[in-house]
Amino acid sequence: MDVAVDRLMTLKVKDVMTRKVICVTDNQRLSDAAGLFLEKGISGAPVVDQDGRCVGVLSAIDYVRRAHSTRGAGVTDTAGEFVYGEMSPGVRFVQPEQTLLMAARIMCEKHVHRLPVLDLDGKPVGLITSMDVVAALVNAIDEREALTR
């Protein structure tokens, strides 16, 4: 089998995930979460409850969906709204020891760009994004090319 493919097949989620997880809370105001997204330059984040367990994901598309559904209704201010009302609940997740391939398959199947990486208690320990998968692919190909020089 090709060296690049072999490398990709052995990678685990923990090998490529982002470990510094930026989370929002389910009772946080949408306007505050939006400010955090802008400040950190992110387009989505896991949503945690008061015990730190992941209960959903909030993404830019949730804001777009809200804006579209309230268009013409005179509702434009998100200051009085909370994350729990707009987040995507029941989100798919992975665990650190699962394969990168499994994470990529879930992303493709569910058409999502990020998956929370949860510990056995359901608390976020990482985040894997479609860019993490692309970066792993590029790195594997670069490693292969370095071996063939």
Protein backbone atom coordinates (compact mmCIF):
# COMPACT_ATOMS: atom_id res chain seq x y z
CA MET A 1 0.00 0.00 0.00
CA ASP A 2 1.11 3.57 -0.59
CA VAL A 3 3.13 5.18 2.22
CA ALA A 4 0.81 8.22 2.36
CA VAL A 5 -2.28 6.04 2.63
CA ASP A 6 -0.60 3.87 5.29
CA ARG A 7 0.18 7.01 7.29
CA LEU A 8 -3.39 8.29 7.04
CA MET A 9 -4.79 4.91 8.08
CA THR A 10 -2.75 4.93 11.30
CA LEU A 11 -3.60 8.44 12.44
CA LYS A 12 -5.89 8.85 15.43
CA VAL A 13 -8.11 11.80 16.20
CA LYS A 14 -5.78 12.76 19.07
CA ASP A 15 -2.90 13.07 16.58
CA VAL A 16 -4.49 15.93 14.65
CA MET A 17 -7.16 17.51 16.86
CA THR A 18 -7.00 21.01 18.25
CA ARG A 19 -6.45 20.66 21.99
CA LYS A 20 -7.29 24.21 23.01
CA VAL A 21 -11.05 23.99 22.76
CA ILE A 22 -13.02 27.21 22.78
CA CYS A 23 -16.48 26.41 24.13
CA VAL A 24 -19.63 28.42 24.72
CA THR A 25 -22.20 27.67 27.39
CA ASP A 26 -25.79 26.75 26.73
CA ASN A 27 -27.04 29.68 28.83
CA GLN A 28 -24.73 32.24 27.19
CA ARG A 29 -26.28 35.07 25.18
CA LEU A 30 -25.99 34.65 21.42
CA SER A 31 -24.51 38.13 21.14
CA ASP A 32 -21.74 37.19 23.60
CA ALA A 33 -21.03 33.95 21.72
CA ALA A 34 -20.87 35.91 18.44
CA GLY A 35 -18.37 38.30 20.03
CA LEU A 36 -16.25 35.35 21.13
CA PHE A 37 -16.36 33.90 17.60
CA LEU A 38 -15.14 37.22 16.19
CA GLU A 39 -12.47 37.68 18.86
CA LYS A 40 -11.07 34.16 18.38
CA GLY A 41 -11.57 34.02 14.60
CA ILE A 42 -13.71 30.88 14.73
CA SER A 43 -16.95 29.91 13.02
CA GLY A 44 -18.25 27.43 15.56
CA ALA A 45 -17.75 25.89 18.97
CA PRO A 46 -18.98 23.08 21.19
CA VAL A 47 -21.72 24.06 23.62
CA VAL A 48 -21.34 22.85 27.20
CA ASP A 49 -23.75 22.75 30.12
CA GLN A 50 -23.03 23.85 33.69
CA ASP A 51 -21.18 20.56 34.32
CA GLY A 52 -18.90 21.05 31.31
CA ARG A 53 -20.55 18.29 29.25
CA CYS A 54 -21.04 18.84 25.54
CA VAL A 55 -24.73 19.34 24.73
CA GLY A 56 -24.45 20.66 21.17
CA VAL A 57 -22.56 22.80 18.71
CA LEU A 58 -23.12 26.43 17.78
CA SER A 59 -21.91 27.48 14.34
CA ALA A 60 -22.15 30.39 11.98
CA ILE A 61 -24.86 28.54 10.07
CA ASP A 62 -27.04 28.64 13.21
CA TYR A 63 -26.80 32.44 13.10
CA VAL A 64 -27.63 32.45 9.39
CA ARG A 65 -30.61 30.14 9.98
CA ARG A 66 -31.85 32.42 12.76
CA ALA A 67 -31.45 35.56 10.66
CA HIS A 68 -33.32 33.91 7.79
CA SER A 69 -36.19 32.68 9.97
CA THR A 70 -36.64 36.06 11.67
CA ARG A 71 -36.31 38.11 8.48
CA GLY A 72 -39.27 40.43 8.21
CA ALA A 73 -40.32 39.64 11.77
CA GLY A 74 -38.54 42.73 13.10
CA VAL A 75 -36.19 40.63 15.22
CA THR A 76 -32.59 41.58 14.56
CA ASP A 77 -31.06 41.90 18.02
CA THR A 78 -29.66 38.66 19.46
CA ALA A 79 -28.92 40.19 22.88
CA GLY A 80 -31.99 38.62 24.50
CA GLU A 81 -31.53 35.20 22.94
CA PHE A 82 -29.53 32.32 24.32
CA VAL A 83 -27.27 29.68 22.79
CA TYR A 84 -29.49 26.76 23.84
CA GLY A 85 -32.27 28.07 21.60
CA GLU A 86 -30.16 28.18 18.44
CA MET A 87 -27.46 25.50 18.84
CA SER A 88 -27.55 22.19 17.02
CA PRO A 89 -28.27 19.63 19.76
CA GLY A 90 -27.55 15.92 19.64
CA VAL A 91 -24.32 16.54 17.80
CA ARG A 92 -22.04 13.80 16.54
CA PHE A 93 -18.72 13.51 18.31
CA VAL A 94 -15.59 11.38 18.37
CA GLN A 95 -13.18 10.23 21.03
CA PRO A 96 -9.40 10.76 20.96
CA GLU A 97 -8.52 7.10 20.22
CA GLN A 98 -10.81 6.81 17.21
CA THR A 99 -9.26 6.89 13.76
CA LEU A 100 -8.97 10.01 11.67
CA LEU A 101 -10.73 8.09 8.91
CA MET A 102 -13.76 7.50 11.14
CA ALA A 103 -13.92 11.21 11.99
CA ALA A 104 -13.67 12.13 8.30
CA ARG A 105 -16.43 9.68 7.43
CA ILE A 106 -18.74 11.18 10.06
CA MET A 107 -18.03 14.69 8.77
CA CYS A 108 -18.81 13.63 5.20
CA GLU A 109 -21.92 11.69 6.16
CA LYS A 110 -23.36 14.47 8.33
CA HIS A 111 -22.03 17.36 6.20
CA VAL A 112 -20.37 19.03 9.19
CA HIS A 113 -17.06 20.84 9.38
CA ARG A 114 -16.23 20.18 13.03
CA LEU A 115 -16.62 17.41 15.57
CA PRO A 116 -16.13 17.79 19.30
CA VAL A 117 -13.66 15.29 20.72
CA LEU A 118 -15.11 14.12 24.04
CA ASP A 119 -13.74 12.17 26.97
CA LEU A 120 -15.71 9.34 28.56
CA ASP A 121 -17.61 11.87 30.71
CA GLY A 122 -18.80 13.78 27.64
CA LYS A 123 -16.50 16.73 28.24
CA PRO A 124 -14.60 18.35 25.34
CA VAL A 125 -10.88 17.54 25.20
CA GLY A 126 -10.41 18.62 21.61
CA LEU A 127 -11.99 19.62 18.35
CA ILE A 128 -11.36 18.17 14.93
CA THR A 129 -12.22 20.17 11.84
CA SER A 130 -12.29 19.51 8.14
CA MET A 131 -9.12 21.63 7.89
CA ASP A 132 -7.40 19.26 10.34
CA VAL A 133 -8.27 16.37 8.01
CA VAL A 134 -6.99 18.27 4.96
CA ALA A 135 -3.77 19.19 6.80
CA ALA A 136 -3.21 15.51 7.71
CA LEU A 137 -3.67 14.55 4.07
CA VAL A 138 -1.20 17.21 2.88
CA ASN A 139 1.33 16.19 5.55
CA ALA A 140 1.07 12.51 4.59
CA ILE A 141 1.66 13.34 0.93
CA ASP A 142 4.58 15.61 1.84
CA GLU A 143 6.10 12.78 3.92
CA ARG A 144 5.72 10.42 0.97
CA GLU A 145 7.36 12.87 -1.41
CA ALA A 146 10.25 13.37 1.02
CA LEU A 147 10.84 9.59 1.08
CA THR A 148 10.92 9.33 -2.71
CA ARG A 149 13.52 12.07 -3.23
